[in-house]
Every structure is written in C-alpha cells, then in structure tokens.
Amino acid sequence: MKKNKKHHEFIPEFDSSSSMLFSLGNYLFGRDEAVGLPPKLPSLLGDVINLTPLALRKSGYRVGGVSEAVSTRFLKKVTDEDISKWIIDAYPRRKYPAVVIGSANGALIHLCSMLGVPWIPQTVLVAVKRTMDPDEIIKDMEWGKKPAEVLKKRLPGFRLHQMHDPIQDRIMITNMGYFRIKRLKLGGHLEKYIEDTLLPGGTVIISDCDYTWPAHKVDNLHYFQTGGLGDVSGKEYAEGSTRVKKFLEKEGSERKKWDVPSPLEDVPEAEWGYDKSLDADIKELAREKGYKVRRIRYRHPDIMGPLAADMTRQWYKNNGIDDERYLVECFALLEPLLAARTGSIPFWMAFNTQTSFDMLRRYMGQKTGVKELYVMIMSNAVEGIGLVPLKDWKKFMKNTAAKSDFLGIDGDLYPFDLGSFIKYYKDLRKKIKTRYFLPYRMCLEEFTEMLKKKGEKYEVEFKQVYLK
C-alpha cells in the first residue's frame, strides 16, 4: 500500500534550503551522519550506480527527484504550520543567544555552527509532478497558474517564485515544476518558536542576500523566473547567445534560443534572494519582546565563502586548531560537523560553474602554507554552460596545496557521477583521519566584532537594524 504523505513531506530533501537546514541540525545535535541518506548506506552503492549506463543514471537521477515531488491534488493539504514544524523539528529545543532567519547560504551555515544557533529559511521549495519539455518555458508558466492558485490560497503569508532553469535543472524539470515560496510573514508558529528559544534580550540576525533576477510578474504573489544562479545571466537566458545556441544543439533541441515570458522586472532571485517584506514582522516581534535585530547583507551568494572561511580559521585558532586544511564544498554538499571535527576550514561555493570557481581561486591564491585541500563538487547530470572541467580543478588543486584530493568524485564520469551524492560523506570520513572535539562556540559579542571588522573587506555588510 502506498504511504500517505504527512506534514512537510511536500518539501524535497534535495534542495539547497533542505540540505542546509538538516546539516545545521546535525551540527547542533552533534549527529555525525550524511544529510538525507541512511547512516549505514554503503559507499559501494555509489560505485554500483556509476557502473550503470549514462542514460540509466540520468533516468535514476530524475526518478529520485520526482519521488520527492507531489501531485497538484496534494497541494490542497499544504499549510504554514507544516512548513514551520519542518523547520523547528530540525533543531534541538534549547535556549539560543541568537536566531538567524532569511536567505539560504552554505557559508552562513558555518557561521551559525560557529555561534551554535539555528537558521530559519525564508525560502523553501515545493516540487509538483508534471511532464514538460525543458525548453517549453512559456508553456510551463501557463501550466503553473493552476497549482499557484492553490498554493496562494493555502499559504497567504508567502510569495511564489515559479522557477524554470533549462540548463542546471534540465534533468529534473522534465517531470516536475519548481515553486520556491518565500515567507513574507513570520506566522504564529515561528513567532512562538523564536519566543521559546531566544534568550531574553537575544538577537535576530537577518540573512539578506541582495541578489536579484529578471522575472515575469504573473500577479502580485506569483513570479515566473527563467534560469538561475550559474554562469548565464538572466539577460542571456532571455535574449540568447552563441553559447546558448551551442548548448541547445548539444542537447538535441531544434531551438536556437528560448522563448521567455515578458515583460521582465528585477526581483529577489527565487532560490537565494531575500524578500525584505519579512522585515516588518521581525522588527515588530523585536519591539514586543525586547530583541535586537541585525542584518548580514551581501549582494551574491558566493561572496560569503571567503568571509566564513577566514572567520572559521580564526575560530579554530582560538580553540588550538591550526592545521591549514581546507574543505571545498558545493551547493548542497556541505558538512559543518565533520568540517569542525576534522579541523578543516570550509570554503562553500554556490555552484559548480566558473563564477564560483573563480571566487575560490582568488581566495586560495592569497593563502600560503596550505597543507591539505579536499574538494566536493556537485554532479547535476548536465554539462551546463560554464561548467569547470576536471583538468582545471586538478591543476588548481596541485598548485594550491601540498596534498589534495577529491571527495566522492569519479573524474572520468563528472558531472554524471551521480554516485557522488552517496560517496562524498564516507570519503570525507575516510580520507581525513584527524579528529578534534567540537570547538567552543563563539560568543555573540566576539562574533559581532569580528564580522564588523572583516565585513567591509569581503563586501559583506553587518549592521544594527533594531536595538531595544
């Protein structure tokens, strides 16, 4: 008998927000296990997956994603209470000096780990089953109007950003539509959670990624976004280019460019951008309860990587850890608990394309005496525009550290190395033998002073929003 879906089962675990939520939850619980995978799942299974033909691997990747999508009918059961409970249940119930709320960011998750505090995502993904040619963008927007009406009725405190990326999400969007929903109101359940867990006079920290994207306004609560973070701009998705034409040819499409809904306007990017409509509720709660409010503001997800790496390096040194070992993470592949236990300085990249790689290369180019470098890069079964080839990775790694290695990656198969989602965690535990006790959490005052001093250098603004 097919299992009935219960609360929060409409939120896929493969998404960025989900992976970051559960990774931070594992850290706060002290739970050493891979996100989304059974702890005893053998890494050999990853090798078995990679032995299958490419077409079968792609099909398995698609089927795995679709298994976490829901039918349009199921959307009538979605509630804000379920979303809030999904977030709250990820963390241990105890008192915290601060709560972070807002944009998803892997580097931010390491800062939350450093402070020992929870993060509340503003944006979560709802994936809805349907079949669609990945290049039929306007057709997908028209399809999305019906499920969007259901979601708007069920979730009045949210804005929908329907997202269709025919490059990076090409495999997945064939059988599911993406609705990234942004919270505009805290809602009673999250307000109570903050009141129950935040220490008197504590601080709410807003993660404000000021990253925008040209999107089509279907109505006031429904935007449609073509494309997303990577090496192709929103303008290039809409207008086309030589490399877009070549990509479509390689994928077997007869198109030379995509037809994109118009007109377009710049709005918070669906997955990473912060919608400041939520500020009003946060400030009101702070006034009522005597909390402070601060904002971490940054213009692009990748900007946080260098800042978090250097702050983590200093945090380790304060705790007697000085191994000069770096761990490169990518998208949903991040392990704050194992990073801290192995004394590995984490550098998080938003994606596997040239823009993120260049940020990493600039950062590591300023470092000397790097002893070890380990790299986890996401395989998404697409040779997307701007994908960094393995030869460039190998050259970078060789020139950067005395010892370097990939974690979970089969270089001959990347980016179709779908077994890496299973292998990376076991590989990390196996290849880095060093173990430490978790460092003492950094006090909020020290964190605040360090972030204020370092922020300008990294183009990250950390300011007081409201002080009781």
Protein backbone atom coordinates (compact mmCIF):
# COMPACT_ATOMS: atom_id res chain seq x y z
CA MET A 1 0.00 0.00 0.00
CA LYS A 2 1.29 3.43 -0.91
CA LYS A 3 2.24 5.54 2.08
CA ASN A 4 0.14 8.67 2.60
CA LYS A 5 2.11 11.88 2.65
CA LYS A 6 2.03 13.61 6.02
CA HIS A 7 3.12 17.05 7.20
CA HIS A 8 6.11 18.65 5.47
CA GLU A 9 6.58 15.72 3.08
CA PHE A 10 5.88 18.13 0.23
CA ILE A 11 9.33 19.74 0.73
CA PRO A 12 12.08 17.90 -1.21
CA GLU A 13 15.22 16.98 0.68
CA PHE A 14 17.47 17.52 -2.38
CA ASP A 15 17.05 21.30 -2.31
CA SER A 16 19.57 23.85 -1.00
CA SER A 17 17.40 25.04 1.92
CA SER A 18 16.60 21.47 2.99
CA SER A 19 20.23 20.33 2.88
CA MET A 20 21.42 23.37 4.80
CA LEU A 21 18.68 23.07 7.41
CA PHE A 22 19.46 19.41 8.09
CA SER A 23 23.25 19.94 8.01
CA LEU A 24 23.00 22.65 10.67
CA GLY A 25 20.57 20.49 12.64
CA ASN A 26 23.11 17.66 12.62
CA TYR A 27 25.75 20.05 13.95
CA LEU A 28 23.57 21.38 16.77
CA PHE A 29 22.54 17.84 17.75
CA GLY A 30 26.14 16.56 17.42
CA ARG A 31 24.82 13.95 14.98
CA ASP A 32 27.51 12.56 12.66
CA GLU A 33 25.53 11.38 9.64
CA ALA A 34 25.02 12.30 6.00
CA VAL A 35 22.14 14.59 5.15
CA GLY A 36 19.25 12.77 3.51
CA LEU A 37 20.99 9.38 3.47
CA PRO A 38 20.74 6.43 5.89
CA PRO A 39 23.93 6.49 8.02
CA LYS A 40 24.73 2.84 7.24
CA LEU A 41 24.28 3.13 3.48
CA PRO A 42 27.45 1.60 1.96
CA SER A 43 29.59 3.91 -0.19
CA LEU A 44 29.98 0.92 -2.52
CA LEU A 45 26.44 1.68 -3.67
CA GLY A 46 27.78 4.87 -5.24
CA ASP A 47 30.25 2.84 -7.30
CA VAL A 48 27.46 0.50 -8.36
CA ILE A 49 25.34 3.45 -9.53
CA ASN A 50 28.26 4.76 -11.57
CA LEU A 51 28.67 1.41 -13.35
CA THR A 52 25.25 1.77 -14.95
CA PRO A 53 24.92 3.30 -18.47
CA LEU A 54 24.66 7.09 -18.63
CA ALA A 55 21.04 7.05 -19.82
CA LEU A 56 20.08 4.85 -16.87
CA ARG A 57 21.98 7.09 -14.46
CA LYS A 58 20.15 10.16 -15.76
CA SER A 59 16.84 8.35 -15.52
CA GLY A 60 17.61 7.30 -11.94
CA TYR A 61 18.52 10.90 -11.06
CA ARG A 62 15.21 12.10 -12.49
CA VAL A 63 13.18 9.37 -10.77
CA GLY A 64 14.88 10.09 -7.44
CA GLY A 65 13.87 13.75 -7.70
CA VAL A 66 10.33 13.03 -8.82
CA SER A 67 9.86 10.72 -5.83
CA GLU A 68 10.02 13.86 -3.65
CA ALA A 69 7.54 15.83 -5.76
CA VAL A 70 3.81 15.91 -5.05
CA SER A 71 0.68 15.88 -7.17
CA THR A 72 -1.35 19.03 -7.75
CA ARG A 73 -4.13 17.48 -5.66
CA PHE A 74 -1.81 17.12 -2.67
CA LEU A 75 -1.18 20.88 -2.63
CA LYS A 76 -4.61 21.30 -1.01
CA LYS A 77 -3.08 19.82 2.16
CA VAL A 78 -0.13 22.23 2.39
CA THR A 79 -0.11 24.53 5.44
CA ASP A 80 2.21 27.07 7.01
CA GLU A 81 2.05 25.01 10.21
CA ASP A 82 3.62 22.08 8.35
CA ILE A 83 6.43 24.23 6.93
CA SER A 84 7.12 25.78 10.33
CA LYS A 85 7.14 22.38 12.04
CA TRP A 86 9.53 21.05 9.41
CA ILE A 87 11.95 23.85 10.31
CA ILE A 88 11.50 23.68 14.08
CA ASP A 89 11.91 19.90 14.25
CA ALA A 90 15.34 20.13 12.62
CA TYR A 91 16.88 21.66 15.75
CA PRO A 92 17.32 20.73 19.42
CA ARG A 93 14.91 22.56 21.73
CA ARG A 94 17.03 24.79 23.95
CA LYS A 95 17.82 28.44 24.54
CA TYR A 96 19.95 30.30 21.98
CA PRO A 97 21.64 33.73 22.11
CA ALA A 98 20.57 34.40 18.51
CA VAL A 99 18.35 33.10 15.72
CA VAL A 100 19.22 33.62 12.05
CA ILE A 101 16.43 33.99 9.50
CA GLY A 102 16.44 34.64 5.77
CA SER A 103 18.42 33.63 2.69
CA ALA A 104 19.96 30.20 2.27
CA ASN A 105 23.75 30.17 2.12
CA GLY A 106 26.18 27.35 2.85
CA ALA A 107 28.84 29.70 4.21
CA LEU A 108 26.22 31.18 6.54
CA ILE A 109 25.53 27.69 7.88
CA HIS A 110 29.15 27.52 9.04
CA LEU A 111 28.75 30.87 10.80
CA CYS A 112 25.61 29.54 12.51
CA SER A 113 27.60 26.49 13.59
CA MET A 114 30.30 28.74 14.98
CA LEU A 115 27.67 30.56 17.06
CA GLY A 116 25.73 27.38 17.87
CA VAL A 117 22.42 28.90 16.70
CA PRO A 118 19.56 27.83 14.38
CA TRP A 119 18.71 29.26 10.97
CA ILE A 120 15.15 29.70 9.69
CA PRO A 121 14.98 29.65 5.87
CA GLN A 122 12.76 32.27 4.26
CA THR A 123 12.53 30.21 1.07
CA VAL A 124 11.60 26.56 0.63
CA LEU A 125 10.93 24.50 -2.48
CA VAL A 126 7.66 22.81 -3.37
CA ALA A 127 8.06 20.48 -6.37
CA VAL A 128 4.92 19.47 -8.28
CA LYS A 129 4.71 16.49 -10.62
CA ARG A 130 4.08 17.20 -14.29
CA THR A 131 5.65 16.31 -17.66
CA MET A 132 7.18 19.09 -19.75
CA ASP A 133 9.80 19.61 -22.44
CA PRO A 134 12.56 21.52 -20.58
CA ASP A 135 12.66 24.12 -23.36
CA GLU A 136 8.91 24.87 -23.29
CA ILE A 137 9.26 27.76 -20.87
CA ILE A 138 6.10 29.75 -21.58
CA LYS A 139 4.08 26.54 -21.58
CA ASP A 140 5.43 25.77 -18.09
CA MET A 141 4.40 29.22 -16.87
CA GLU A 142 0.86 28.65 -18.16
CA TRP A 143 0.75 25.22 -16.51
CA GLY A 144 1.93 26.76 -13.23
CA LYS A 145 -1.01 29.14 -12.87
CA LYS A 146 -3.35 26.44 -11.59
CA PRO A 147 -1.09 24.99 -8.85
CA ALA A 148 -0.06 28.54 -7.97
CA GLU A 149 -3.69 29.47 -7.24
CA VAL A 150 -3.92 26.52 -4.84
CA LEU A 151 -0.68 27.44 -3.09
CA LYS A 152 -1.66 31.11 -2.74
CA LYS A 153 -4.91 30.10 -1.02
CA ARG A 154 -3.15 27.64 1.28
CA LEU A 155 -0.21 29.94 2.09
CA PRO A 156 -1.44 33.54 2.29
CA GLY A 157 1.76 34.72 4.00
CA PHE A 158 4.04 33.66 1.12
CA ARG A 159 5.01 34.82 -2.36
CA LEU A 160 5.57 32.21 -5.10
CA HIS A 161 8.58 32.23 -7.40
CA GLN A 162 7.97 29.61 -10.04
CA MET A 163 11.41 28.70 -11.41
CA HIS A 164 12.35 27.03 -14.69
CA ASP A 165 16.08 26.56 -15.37
CA PRO A 166 16.56 24.73 -18.69
CA ILE A 167 20.31 24.43 -18.08
CA GLN A 168 21.15 23.48 -14.49
CA ASP A 169 17.82 21.80 -13.66
CA ARG A 170 17.36 20.31 -17.12
CA ILE A 171 17.02 16.70 -15.94
CA MET A 172 14.66 17.43 -13.05
CA ILE A 173 12.25 19.90 -14.66
CA THR A 174 11.23 17.36 -17.28
CA ASN A 175 8.97 15.74 -14.69
CA MET A 176 8.38 18.39 -12.03
CA GLY A 177 7.62 22.07 -11.71
CA TYR A 178 9.58 24.16 -9.18
CA PHE A 179 7.81 26.58 -6.86
CA ARG A 180 10.14 28.38 -4.48
CA ILE A 181 7.96 30.01 -1.87
CA LYS A 182 9.17 32.99 0.15
CA ARG A 183 7.84 33.79 3.58
CA LEU A 184 6.53 37.34 3.92
CA LYS A 185 5.13 36.89 7.46
CA LEU A 186 6.65 35.07 10.40
CA GLY A 187 3.37 33.40 11.29
CA GLY A 188 2.28 32.31 14.74
CA HIS A 189 4.26 29.04 14.86
CA LEU A 190 7.63 30.62 14.08
CA GLU A 191 6.93 33.61 16.35
CA LYS A 192 6.30 31.20 19.22
CA TYR A 193 9.42 29.20 18.36
CA ILE A 194 11.56 32.35 18.49
CA GLU A 195 9.96 33.41 21.77
CA ASP A 196 10.51 29.95 23.28
CA THR A 197 14.14 29.54 22.18
CA LEU A 198 15.69 33.02 22.05
CA LEU A 199 17.29 34.18 25.29
CA PRO A 200 15.90 37.40 26.82
CA GLY A 201 17.45 40.34 25.01
CA GLY A 202 18.72 37.98 22.30
CA THR A 203 19.40 38.85 18.67
CA VAL A 204 17.57 38.04 15.46
CA ILE A 205 20.07 38.09 12.59
CA ILE A 206 18.63 38.62 9.09
CA SER A 207 20.46 36.85 6.26
CA ASP A 208 19.86 39.31 3.43
CA CYS A 209 21.20 38.17 0.08
CA ASP A 210 20.54 41.17 -2.16
CA TYR A 211 20.74 39.05 -5.31
CA THR A 212 18.11 39.84 -7.95
CA TRP A 213 16.98 38.25 -11.20
CA PRO A 214 14.73 39.39 -14.07
CA ALA A 215 11.37 37.64 -13.66
CA HIS A 216 7.91 37.91 -15.16
CA LYS A 217 5.15 39.08 -12.83
CA VAL A 218 2.16 36.78 -13.25
CA ASP A 219 0.42 38.58 -10.38
CA ASN A 220 1.38 40.21 -7.06
CA LEU A 221 2.06 36.85 -5.40
CA HIS A 222 3.35 34.85 -8.35
CA TYR A 223 6.57 35.49 -10.28
CA PHE A 224 7.98 33.30 -13.03
CA GLN A 225 11.78 33.08 -13.26
CA THR A 226 13.69 31.62 -16.21
CA GLY A 227 17.13 30.34 -15.26
CA GLY A 228 19.06 30.86 -12.07
CA LEU A 229 22.47 31.14 -10.43
CA GLY A 230 25.38 29.97 -12.55
CA ASP A 231 27.39 31.46 -15.42
CA VAL A 232 24.44 32.53 -17.60
CA SER A 233 22.76 35.83 -16.74
CA GLY A 234 19.02 36.40 -16.79
CA LYS A 235 19.53 38.61 -19.84
CA GLU A 236 21.34 35.82 -21.70
CA TYR A 237 18.56 33.35 -20.91
CA ALA A 238 16.06 35.82 -22.37
CA GLU A 239 17.99 37.10 -25.39
CA GLY A 240 20.12 34.09 -26.29
CA SER A 241 23.79 33.90 -27.29
CA THR A 242 26.24 31.78 -29.26
CA ARG A 243 26.90 29.53 -26.29
CA VAL A 244 23.16 29.13 -25.58
CA LYS A 245 22.70 28.07 -29.21
CA LYS A 246 25.55 25.55 -28.90
CA PHE A 247 24.13 24.18 -25.65
CA LEU A 248 20.72 23.62 -27.23
CA GLU A 249 22.31 21.90 -30.24
CA LYS A 250 24.28 19.60 -27.95
CA GLU A 251 21.10 18.74 -26.05
CA GLY A 252 19.36 17.78 -29.29
CA SER A 253 16.97 20.74 -29.39
CA GLU A 254 15.90 22.38 -32.65
CA ARG A 255 15.72 25.75 -30.91
CA LYS A 256 18.39 28.42 -31.19
CA LYS A 257 17.21 30.33 -28.08
CA TRP A 258 14.44 30.19 -25.51
CA ASP A 259 11.11 31.98 -25.61
CA VAL A 260 10.85 33.73 -22.25
CA PRO A 261 7.74 35.42 -20.78
CA SER A 262 7.84 39.21 -20.85
CA PRO A 263 7.93 41.89 -19.59
CA LEU A 264 10.66 41.24 -17.00
CA GLU A 265 11.50 43.08 -13.79
CA ASP A 266 14.29 42.60 -11.25
CA VAL A 267 13.06 40.88 -8.09
CA PRO A 268 14.73 38.82 -5.32
CA GLU A 269 16.18 35.73 -7.00
CA ALA A 270 13.97 32.69 -6.44
CA GLU A 271 16.40 30.43 -4.59
CA TRP A 272 18.90 32.79 -2.96
CA GLY A 273 17.44 36.30 -2.78
CA TYR A 274 15.86 37.79 0.35
CA ASP A 275 12.43 39.44 0.21
CA LYS A 276 12.52 42.37 2.64
CA SER A 277 8.77 42.16 3.17
CA LEU A 278 9.61 39.88 6.09
CA ASP A 279 11.46 42.69 7.89
CA ALA A 280 8.26 44.25 9.24
CA ASP A 281 7.23 41.17 11.23
CA ILE A 282 10.77 40.65 12.56
CA LYS A 283 11.02 44.24 13.80
CA GLU A 284 7.55 44.11 15.35
CA LEU A 285 8.39 40.93 17.27
CA ALA A 286 11.68 42.51 18.41
CA ARG A 287 9.84 45.58 19.71
CA GLU A 288 7.33 43.46 21.59
CA LYS A 289 9.86 41.06 23.14
CA GLY A 290 12.94 43.25 23.58
CA TYR A 291 15.16 41.55 20.99
CA LYS A 292 17.93 43.13 18.97
CA VAL A 293 17.90 42.82 15.17
CA ARG A 294 21.00 42.80 12.97
CA ARG A 295 21.37 42.27 9.24
CA ILE A 296 24.08 40.44 7.27
CA ARG A 297 23.75 41.89 3.78
CA TYR A 298 25.62 40.55 0.74
CA ARG A 299 24.97 41.00 -3.00
CA HIS A 300 25.76 37.47 -4.24
CA PRO A 301 25.71 34.01 -2.56
CA ASP A 302 29.40 33.32 -3.34
CA ILE A 303 30.59 36.45 -1.51
CA MET A 304 30.04 34.77 1.86
CA GLY A 305 32.52 31.95 1.12
CA PRO A 306 35.79 33.85 1.79
CA LEU A 307 34.39 35.61 4.87
CA ALA A 308 33.13 32.41 6.51
CA ALA A 309 36.36 30.58 5.70
CA ASP A 310 38.54 33.24 7.35
CA MET A 311 36.24 33.56 10.36
CA THR A 312 36.26 29.78 10.79
CA ARG A 313 40.05 29.74 10.51
CA GLN A 314 40.26 32.29 13.35
CA TRP A 315 37.69 30.35 15.41
CA TYR A 316 39.76 27.19 15.05
CA LYS A 317 42.93 29.02 16.10
CA ASN A 318 41.14 30.34 19.18
CA ASN A 319 40.48 26.69 20.02
CA GLY A 320 44.04 25.49 19.36
CA ILE A 321 43.37 24.08 15.87
CA ASP A 322 45.87 25.23 13.23
CA ASP A 323 46.10 22.50 10.58
CA GLU A 324 45.78 24.68 7.44
CA ARG A 325 43.49 22.07 5.93
CA TYR A 326 40.75 23.34 3.60
CA LEU A 327 37.49 21.69 2.59
CA VAL A 328 35.78 22.97 -0.57
CA GLU A 329 32.00 22.43 -0.52
CA CYS A 330 29.46 22.97 -3.28
CA PHE A 331 25.75 23.78 -3.25
CA ALA A 332 24.01 21.17 -1.08
CA LEU A 333 27.21 19.23 -0.36
CA LEU A 334 28.28 20.68 2.98
CA GLU A 335 29.27 19.13 6.29
CA PRO A 336 29.69 21.64 9.13
CA LEU A 337 30.02 18.93 11.79
CA LEU A 338 32.74 16.94 10.04
CA ALA A 339 34.49 20.13 8.96
CA ALA A 340 34.82 21.17 12.61
CA ARG A 341 35.72 17.68 13.88
CA THR A 342 38.46 17.29 11.27
CA GLY A 343 39.75 20.85 11.73
CA SER A 344 39.03 21.58 8.07
CA ILE A 345 38.46 25.20 7.05
CA PRO A 346 35.32 25.17 4.88
CA PHE A 347 35.02 27.18 1.69
CA TRP A 348 31.50 26.97 0.30
CA MET A 349 30.75 27.58 -3.38
CA ALA A 350 27.21 28.22 -4.55
CA PHE A 351 27.61 26.13 -7.68
CA ASN A 352 29.96 24.11 -9.90
CA THR A 353 30.48 26.77 -12.57
CA GLN A 354 33.25 29.23 -13.41
CA THR A 355 31.90 32.15 -11.35
CA SER A 356 32.08 30.18 -8.10
CA PHE A 357 35.40 28.57 -9.09
CA ASP A 358 36.98 31.98 -9.75
CA MET A 359 35.95 33.20 -6.30
CA LEU A 360 37.61 30.14 -4.74
CA ARG A 361 40.74 30.51 -6.85
CA ARG A 362 41.15 34.18 -5.92
CA TYR A 363 40.74 33.35 -2.25
CA MET A 364 43.15 30.41 -2.18
CA GLY A 365 45.66 32.38 -4.29
CA GLN A 366 46.15 34.65 -1.28
CA LYS A 367 47.00 31.72 1.01
CA THR A 368 50.43 30.27 1.69
CA GLY A 369 51.42 27.13 3.53
CA VAL A 370 48.21 25.23 2.70
CA LYS A 371 48.92 21.67 3.78
CA GLU A 372 45.79 19.87 2.60
CA LEU A 373 42.90 20.63 0.26
CA TYR A 374 39.84 18.43 -0.22
CA VAL A 375 37.17 19.16 -2.82
CA MET A 376 33.49 18.19 -3.05
CA ILE A 377 31.76 19.38 -6.24
CA MET A 378 28.20 18.64 -7.16
CA SER A 379 27.31 16.42 -10.12
CA ASN A 380 23.96 17.51 -11.54
CA ALA A 381 23.97 15.30 -14.67
CA VAL A 382 24.26 18.31 -17.01
CA GLU A 383 27.27 19.66 -18.92
CA GLY A 384 25.98 23.15 -18.30
CA ILE A 385 27.34 26.40 -19.67
CA GLY A 386 30.36 27.44 -17.62
CA LEU A 387 30.92 24.04 -16.01
CA VAL A 388 34.55 23.88 -14.81
CA PRO A 389 36.30 20.83 -16.33
CA LEU A 390 38.12 18.38 -14.07
CA LYS A 391 41.50 19.23 -15.62
CA ASP A 392 41.15 22.81 -14.35
CA TRP A 393 40.23 21.53 -10.90
CA LYS A 394 43.23 19.19 -10.83
CA LYS A 395 45.61 21.96 -11.89
CA PHE A 396 44.21 24.30 -9.24
CA MET A 397 44.45 21.67 -6.51
CA LYS A 398 48.01 20.71 -7.41
CA ASN A 399 49.15 24.35 -7.37
CA THR A 400 47.37 25.19 -4.11
CA ALA A 401 48.24 22.54 -1.51
CA ALA A 402 50.97 20.07 -0.64
CA LYS A 403 48.31 17.35 -0.54
CA SER A 404 44.94 17.42 -2.29
CA ASP A 405 42.15 15.06 -3.24
CA PHE A 406 38.55 14.89 -4.42
CA LEU A 407 35.87 13.56 -2.09
CA GLY A 408 33.34 11.21 -3.69
CA ILE A 409 34.18 12.30 -7.26
CA ASP A 410 34.93 9.95 -10.12
CA GLY A 411 36.80 12.24 -12.52
CA ASP A 412 36.04 10.10 -15.56
CA LEU A 413 32.28 10.46 -15.01
CA TYR A 414 31.85 14.01 -13.70
CA PRO A 415 29.33 15.73 -13.95
CA PHE A 416 27.42 12.49 -14.47
CA ASP A 417 28.99 10.98 -11.34
CA LEU A 418 25.67 10.51 -9.57
CA GLY A 419 27.16 8.07 -7.09
CA SER A 420 28.99 11.05 -5.55
CA PHE A 421 25.86 12.01 -3.58
CA ILE A 422 26.39 8.81 -1.58
CA LYS A 423 30.18 8.61 -1.65
CA TYR A 424 31.22 12.13 -0.59
CA TYR A 425 30.31 11.72 3.09
CA LYS A 426 32.02 8.34 3.52
CA ASP A 427 35.02 9.62 1.57
CA LEU A 428 35.36 12.65 3.85
CA ARG A 429 35.37 10.48 6.96
CA LYS A 430 37.84 8.05 5.40
CA LYS A 431 40.39 10.41 3.82
CA ILE A 432 40.68 12.94 6.66
CA LYS A 433 41.85 10.98 9.69
CA THR A 434 42.33 13.88 12.14
CA ARG A 435 39.62 14.31 14.79
CA TYR A 436 39.01 17.07 17.33
CA PHE A 437 36.35 17.77 19.89
CA LEU A 438 33.93 20.39 18.58
CA PRO A 439 35.33 23.88 19.21
CA TYR A 440 33.68 26.00 21.89
CA ARG A 441 31.03 28.16 20.31
CA MET A 442 31.97 31.77 19.69
CA CYS A 443 30.13 34.26 21.88
CA LEU A 444 27.83 36.63 20.03
CA GLU A 445 29.77 39.74 21.07
CA GLU A 446 33.06 38.38 19.68
CA PHE A 447 31.29 37.23 16.52
CA THR A 448 29.73 40.67 16.08
CA GLU A 449 33.04 42.49 16.46
CA MET A 450 34.86 40.12 14.11
CA LEU A 451 32.15 40.36 11.45
CA LYS A 452 32.01 44.15 11.68
CA LYS A 453 35.79 44.40 11.24
CA LYS A 454 36.09 41.86 8.43
CA GLY A 455 32.84 42.56 6.61
CA GLU A 456 33.97 45.59 4.59
CA LYS A 457 36.95 43.68 3.17
CA TYR A 458 34.62 40.96 1.89
CA GLU A 459 31.80 43.25 0.73
CA VAL A 460 29.56 41.93 3.48
CA GLU A 461 27.61 44.50 5.49
CA PHE A 462 26.73 43.74 9.11
CA LYS A 463 24.55 46.42 10.65
CA GLN A 464 22.20 47.01 13.51
CA VAL A 465 18.57 47.17 12.36
CA TYR A 466 16.79 47.48 15.67
CA LEU A 467 18.24 47.75 19.17
CA LYS A 468 15.96 47.68 22.22
